[in-house]
Amino acid sequence: MTDFKRPLTDRGIREAEFMAHQLKKAGLIPQYILTSPALRTQTTANIISKVLNILPNSANKAIYEADTHTLFKIINDLPDEYNFIALIGHNPGMSQMLYELTGELRDMPPAGAALIDFDFDSWKLVHTHTGHLAWYDSPKEH
């Protein structure tokens, strides 16, 4: 089985459900979910969509194995009609992106979630150190 087609483990499903409920409890409901098309990220996005009662996700294959340069391009191309977007991807890119955006050196373990705020309203303005880490949680924290 290729990494791309690898499913979430039972533990991964439990952790995704747990984090979806943590997001709901914190009132963090994205307007739009953008995810890698890999099976495990699609499953995670579907769990989050169901728990938060939001529309199903959209996939972008460039997120799979993306480096920070690629992730910046993806973020800069997001539609400004949404001001709260969930981006579901893979490490090491997601951990590196958290650092690039906020200067916060934190691990993004599987099912980890971070809310990054920006002081502007256009995704095109997102670049290195323009974000503020407003919320962070992961199954490892509990």
Protein backbone atom coordinates (compact mmCIF):
# COMPACT_ATOMS: atom_id res chain seq x y z
CA MET A 1 0.00 0.00 0.00
CA THR A 2 1.32 3.44 -0.85
CA ASP A 3 1.49 6.20 1.73
CA PHE A 4 -1.10 8.16 -0.27
CA LYS A 5 -3.66 5.35 0.09
CA ARG A 6 -2.84 4.53 3.71
CA PRO A 7 -6.01 4.72 5.83
CA LEU A 8 -6.32 6.21 9.28
CA THR A 9 -5.77 3.69 12.03
CA ASP A 10 -8.47 3.15 14.67
CA ARG A 11 -6.41 5.41 16.93
CA GLY A 12 -6.23 8.02 14.17
CA ILE A 13 -10.01 7.97 13.78
CA ARG A 14 -10.48 8.38 17.56
CA GLU A 15 -7.98 11.26 17.63
CA ALA A 16 -9.64 13.01 14.68
CA GLU A 17 -13.05 12.67 16.36
CA PHE A 18 -11.60 13.95 19.65
CA MET A 19 -10.05 16.99 17.98
CA ALA A 20 -13.22 17.73 16.02
CA HIS A 21 -15.08 17.84 19.34
CA GLN A 22 -12.33 20.07 20.81
CA LEU A 23 -12.81 22.47 17.90
CA LYS A 24 -16.57 22.43 18.40
CA LYS A 25 -16.21 23.02 22.15
CA ALA A 26 -13.93 26.01 21.45
CA GLY A 27 -16.40 27.40 18.88
CA LEU A 28 -13.85 27.07 16.08
CA ILE A 29 -15.98 26.27 13.04
CA PRO A 30 -14.22 26.82 9.68
CA GLN A 31 -16.22 28.03 6.71
CA TYR A 32 -14.21 25.92 4.30
CA ILE A 33 -11.95 22.87 4.57
CA LEU A 34 -9.08 22.37 2.13
CA THR A 35 -7.24 19.08 2.39
CA SER A 36 -4.72 16.85 0.76
CA PRO A 37 -6.44 14.14 -1.30
CA ALA A 38 -4.57 11.39 0.60
CA LEU A 39 -6.99 8.91 2.17
CA ARG A 40 -6.12 9.68 5.79
CA THR A 41 -6.49 13.45 5.40
CA GLN A 42 -9.75 13.00 3.48
CA THR A 43 -11.03 10.79 6.31
CA THR A 44 -9.95 13.38 8.89
CA ALA A 45 -11.69 16.16 6.94
CA ASN A 46 -14.87 14.10 6.65
CA ILE A 47 -14.88 13.46 10.41
CA ILE A 48 -14.42 17.18 11.11
CA SER A 49 -17.15 18.11 8.60
CA LYS A 50 -19.58 15.70 10.21
CA VAL A 51 -18.89 16.71 13.82
CA LEU A 52 -18.93 20.45 13.04
CA ASN A 53 -21.90 20.13 10.68
CA ILE A 54 -20.20 21.97 7.82
CA LEU A 55 -19.96 21.33 4.11
CA PRO A 56 -17.67 18.58 2.85
CA ASN A 57 -14.09 19.46 2.05
CA SER A 58 -12.25 20.36 -1.11
CA ALA A 59 -8.99 18.61 -2.06
CA ASN A 60 -5.81 20.01 -3.56
CA LYS A 61 -3.20 17.43 -4.53
CA ALA A 62 -0.38 19.99 -4.14
CA ILE A 63 -0.88 19.78 -0.34
CA TYR A 64 0.36 16.19 -0.31
CA GLU A 65 4.09 16.31 0.60
CA ALA A 66 4.05 20.12 0.22
CA ASP A 67 6.93 22.26 1.46
CA THR A 68 6.37 25.74 2.90
CA HIS A 69 6.84 27.43 -0.49
CA THR A 70 3.99 25.35 -1.95
CA LEU A 71 1.80 25.86 1.13
CA PHE A 72 2.29 29.64 0.93
CA LYS A 73 1.17 29.55 -2.72
CA ILE A 74 -1.90 27.50 -1.79
CA ILE A 75 -2.79 29.88 1.05
CA ASN A 76 -2.20 32.99 -1.08
CA ASP A 77 -4.62 31.58 -3.68
CA LEU A 78 -7.45 30.97 -1.18
CA PRO A 79 -10.70 32.83 -1.89
CA ASP A 80 -11.13 35.96 0.22
CA GLU A 81 -14.85 35.22 0.55
CA TYR A 82 -13.81 32.89 3.41
CA ASN A 83 -12.09 34.27 6.48
CA PHE A 84 -11.80 30.97 8.39
CA ILE A 85 -10.32 28.07 6.45
CA ALA A 86 -9.11 24.73 7.76
CA LEU A 87 -6.05 23.39 5.96
CA ILE A 88 -5.46 19.67 6.53
CA GLY A 89 -2.11 18.36 5.40
CA HIS A 90 1.00 16.39 6.30
CA ASN A 91 4.24 16.77 8.19
CA PRO A 92 6.86 18.01 8.05
CA GLY A 93 5.18 20.74 5.97
CA MET A 94 2.44 21.60 8.46
CA SER A 95 4.83 21.96 11.42
CA GLN A 96 7.20 24.05 9.30
CA MET A 97 4.33 26.23 8.10
CA LEU A 98 3.18 26.90 11.66
CA TYR A 99 6.68 28.14 12.45
CA GLU A 100 6.97 30.17 9.23
CA LEU A 101 3.65 31.91 9.85
CA THR A 102 3.94 32.55 13.59
CA GLY A 103 7.53 32.08 14.72
CA GLU A 104 6.17 29.49 17.19
CA LEU A 105 8.21 26.29 17.24
CA ARG A 106 5.56 23.63 17.88
CA ASP A 107 5.10 20.14 16.61
CA MET A 108 1.91 19.46 14.68
CA PRO A 109 1.30 15.81 15.57
CA PRO A 110 -1.36 13.78 13.78
CA ALA A 111 -4.78 15.33 14.50
CA GLY A 112 -3.12 18.44 15.96
CA ALA A 113 -4.83 21.76 15.29
CA ALA A 114 -3.68 25.37 15.37
CA LEU A 115 -5.65 28.56 14.82
CA ILE A 116 -3.58 31.29 13.22
CA ASP A 117 -4.96 34.83 13.15
CA PHE A 118 -3.87 37.51 10.70
CA ASP A 119 -4.25 41.30 10.99
CA PHE A 120 -5.55 41.65 7.43
CA ASP A 121 -8.40 40.32 5.30
CA SER A 122 -6.69 38.95 2.19
CA TRP A 123 -5.05 35.55 1.87
CA LYS A 124 -2.71 37.10 -0.71
CA LEU A 125 -0.99 39.04 2.10
CA VAL A 126 -0.05 35.93 4.09
CA HIS A 127 3.71 35.47 4.26
CA THR A 128 6.44 34.66 6.77
CA HIS A 129 5.72 35.85 10.34
CA THR A 130 2.41 37.56 9.54
CA GLY A 131 0.31 35.26 11.73
CA HIS A 132 -0.37 34.97 15.45
CA LEU A 133 -0.96 31.60 17.10
CA ALA A 134 -4.37 32.09 18.74
CA TRP A 135 -5.18 28.48 19.70
CA TYR A 136 -3.37 25.16 19.67
CA ASP A 137 -4.39 21.67 20.74
CA SER A 138 -3.59 18.07 20.00
CA PRO A 139 -4.43 14.64 21.37
CA LYS A 140 -0.92 14.64 22.93
CA GLU A 141 -1.98 17.59 25.13
CA HIS A 142 -4.60 15.43 26.90
